[in-house]
Protein backbone atom coordinates (compact mmCIF):
# COMPACT_ATOMS: atom_id res chain seq x y z
CA MET A 1 -35.66 -11.37 -4.56
CA LEU A 2 -32.85 -9.28 -3.09
CA HIS A 3 -32.56 -7.29 -6.30
CA ALA A 4 -36.32 -6.65 -6.26
CA VAL A 5 -36.25 -5.40 -2.67
CA GLN A 6 -33.31 -3.14 -3.42
CA GLU A 7 -35.03 -1.87 -6.57
CA ASP A 8 -38.12 -0.93 -4.55
CA PHE A 9 -36.37 0.63 -1.55
CA GLY A 10 -32.98 1.66 -2.93
CA TYR A 11 -31.33 -0.66 -0.40
CA ILE A 12 -32.15 -3.79 1.60
CA PRO A 13 -33.48 -2.76 5.01
CA GLY A 14 -32.32 -4.95 7.89
CA GLU A 15 -35.91 -5.49 8.97
CA ALA A 16 -36.63 -7.12 5.59
CA VAL A 17 -34.02 -9.86 6.04
CA PRO A 18 -36.09 -12.20 8.30
CA GLY A 19 -39.03 -12.11 5.87
CA ILE A 20 -36.79 -12.73 2.87
CA ALA A 21 -35.16 -15.63 4.73
CA GLN A 22 -38.52 -17.15 5.57
CA VAL A 23 -39.81 -16.95 2.00
CA MET A 24 -36.58 -18.45 0.65
CA ASN A 25 -36.42 -21.14 3.36
CA LEU A 26 -33.02 -19.87 4.50
CA SER A 27 -31.69 -18.54 7.77
CA ALA A 28 -31.39 -14.79 8.27
CA ALA A 29 -27.63 -15.35 8.59
CA GLU A 30 -27.51 -16.95 5.13
CA VAL A 31 -29.41 -14.05 3.58
CA HIS A 32 -27.19 -11.54 5.38
CA GLY A 33 -24.14 -13.44 4.11
CA VAL A 34 -25.28 -13.00 0.51
CA ILE A 35 -26.08 -9.32 1.02
CA SER A 36 -22.72 -8.59 2.61
CA PHE A 37 -20.73 -10.65 0.08
CA TYR A 38 -21.96 -9.02 -3.13
CA HIS A 39 -20.99 -5.38 -3.62
CA ASP A 40 -24.16 -4.61 -5.61
CA PHE A 41 -26.30 -4.92 -2.48
CA ARG A 42 -26.44 -2.15 0.07
CA THR A 43 -27.94 -2.05 3.56
CA GLU A 44 -28.24 1.73 3.76
CA PRO A 45 -29.82 4.21 1.37
CA GLY A 46 -27.43 5.49 -1.28
CA GLY A 47 -27.36 8.69 -3.26
CA ARG A 48 -29.66 9.53 -6.12
CA HIS A 49 -26.84 8.35 -8.41
CA THR A 50 -24.11 5.77 -7.92
CA LEU A 51 -20.77 6.39 -9.58
CA GLN A 52 -18.76 3.21 -9.90
CA VAL A 53 -15.06 3.50 -10.69
CA CYS A 54 -13.38 0.35 -11.98
CA ARG A 55 -10.34 -0.67 -9.94
CA ALA A 56 -9.38 -3.77 -11.94
CA GLU A 57 -5.82 -4.13 -13.20
CA SER A 58 -6.51 -2.95 -16.74
CA CYS A 59 -8.19 0.24 -15.57
CA GLN A 60 -5.50 0.91 -12.98
CA ALA A 61 -2.78 0.50 -15.63
CA SER A 62 -4.61 2.98 -17.88
CA GLY A 63 -5.05 5.84 -15.42
CA GLY A 64 -7.79 4.52 -13.16
CA ARG A 65 -5.95 5.38 -9.94
CA GLU A 66 -5.89 9.04 -10.93
CA LEU A 67 -9.63 8.86 -11.67
CA GLU A 68 -10.22 7.33 -8.23
CA ARG A 69 -8.41 10.23 -6.56
CA GLN A 70 -10.19 12.78 -8.73
CA ALA A 71 -13.64 11.35 -7.96
CA ARG A 72 -12.91 11.31 -4.22
CA ASP A 73 -11.57 14.87 -4.33
CA ILE A 74 -14.44 16.32 -6.37
CA LEU A 75 -17.14 14.60 -4.33
CA GLY A 76 -15.38 15.01 -0.98
CA ILE A 77 -16.07 11.38 -0.08
CA ASP A 78 -14.40 7.99 -0.15
CA PHE A 79 -15.58 4.72 -1.64
CA GLY A 80 -18.74 3.47 0.03
CA GLU A 81 -19.83 6.97 1.03
CA THR A 82 -22.51 9.34 -0.21
CA SER A 83 -21.99 13.04 -0.87
CA ALA A 84 -23.37 15.44 1.74
CA ASP A 85 -26.15 16.55 -0.60
CA GLY A 86 -27.27 12.92 -1.07
CA GLY A 87 -26.64 13.18 -4.79
CA VAL A 88 -23.84 10.70 -5.44
CA THR A 89 -22.63 7.48 -3.85
CA LEU A 90 -19.08 6.50 -4.85
CA GLU A 91 -18.35 2.81 -5.25
CA ALA A 92 -15.31 0.80 -6.25
CA VAL A 93 -15.91 -2.10 -8.61
CA TYR A 94 -13.42 -4.67 -9.73
CA CYS A 95 -14.38 -5.15 -13.35
CA LEU A 96 -16.93 -3.54 -15.62
CA GLY A 97 -16.09 -5.95 -18.44
CA ASN A 98 -14.73 -3.10 -20.52
CA CYS A 99 -11.00 -3.84 -20.22
CA ALA A 100 -10.15 -3.11 -23.87
CA CYS A 101 -11.40 0.45 -23.34
CA SER A 102 -9.90 1.24 -19.93
CA PRO A 103 -10.29 3.14 -17.72
CA SER A 104 -14.04 2.88 -17.27
CA VAL A 105 -16.73 4.17 -14.95
CA ARG A 106 -20.44 3.38 -14.67
CA VAL A 107 -23.52 5.25 -13.51
CA GLY A 108 -26.66 3.14 -13.37
CA ASN A 109 -26.68 1.08 -16.54
CA GLU A 110 -24.43 3.42 -18.52
CA THR A 111 -20.72 2.66 -18.82
CA TRP A 112 -18.18 5.19 -20.06
CA ALA A 113 -14.96 4.00 -21.70
CA ARG A 114 -11.51 5.58 -21.97
CA VAL A 115 -12.43 8.08 -19.28
CA ASP A 116 -9.95 10.89 -18.72
CA ALA A 117 -9.98 13.71 -16.17
CA ALA A 118 -12.10 16.02 -18.32
CA LYS A 119 -14.66 13.31 -19.03
CA LEU A 120 -14.92 12.41 -15.34
CA ASP A 121 -15.43 16.10 -14.50
CA SER A 122 -18.25 16.20 -17.04
CA ILE A 123 -19.88 13.00 -15.75
CA ILE A 124 -19.82 14.19 -12.13
CA ALA A 125 -21.08 17.64 -13.10
CA GLY A 126 -23.96 15.99 -14.94
CA LEU A 127 -24.86 13.95 -11.86
CA ARG A 128 -24.91 17.09 -9.80
CA GLY A 129 -26.87 19.03 -12.41
CA LYS A 130 -24.04 21.52 -12.90
CA GLU A 131 -21.78 22.57 -15.71
CA PRO A 132 -18.33 20.99 -15.50
CA THR A 133 -15.59 23.06 -13.92
CA SER A 134 -12.46 23.77 -15.93
């Protein structure tokens, strides 16, 4: 149900929690606990695109920390924030299940493997509808 609400609205509005709780025969606190525990749920609208950068050990050991810095620098935001133009929300994730091909990033349902600086530039430029910068 939470996934369906987020699919419809892009996030789970606080005013929806009591109704969700009632339908599921749970307390609002229990529903809020689930929403706040799982990183896939958000309580505020995100950007048109969500760029997830894997921060698991395999990705970090393969250059993921540099990709984290690069994404934050290019977008001018930190994890959990949305770019000023509303185009991209940057999120940290702790495993994309792609460890053999680290480092990895994901946008929507598409995962990129063995991402380097040039590939990340290209991905972000694509999200912004621009040509990558050199």
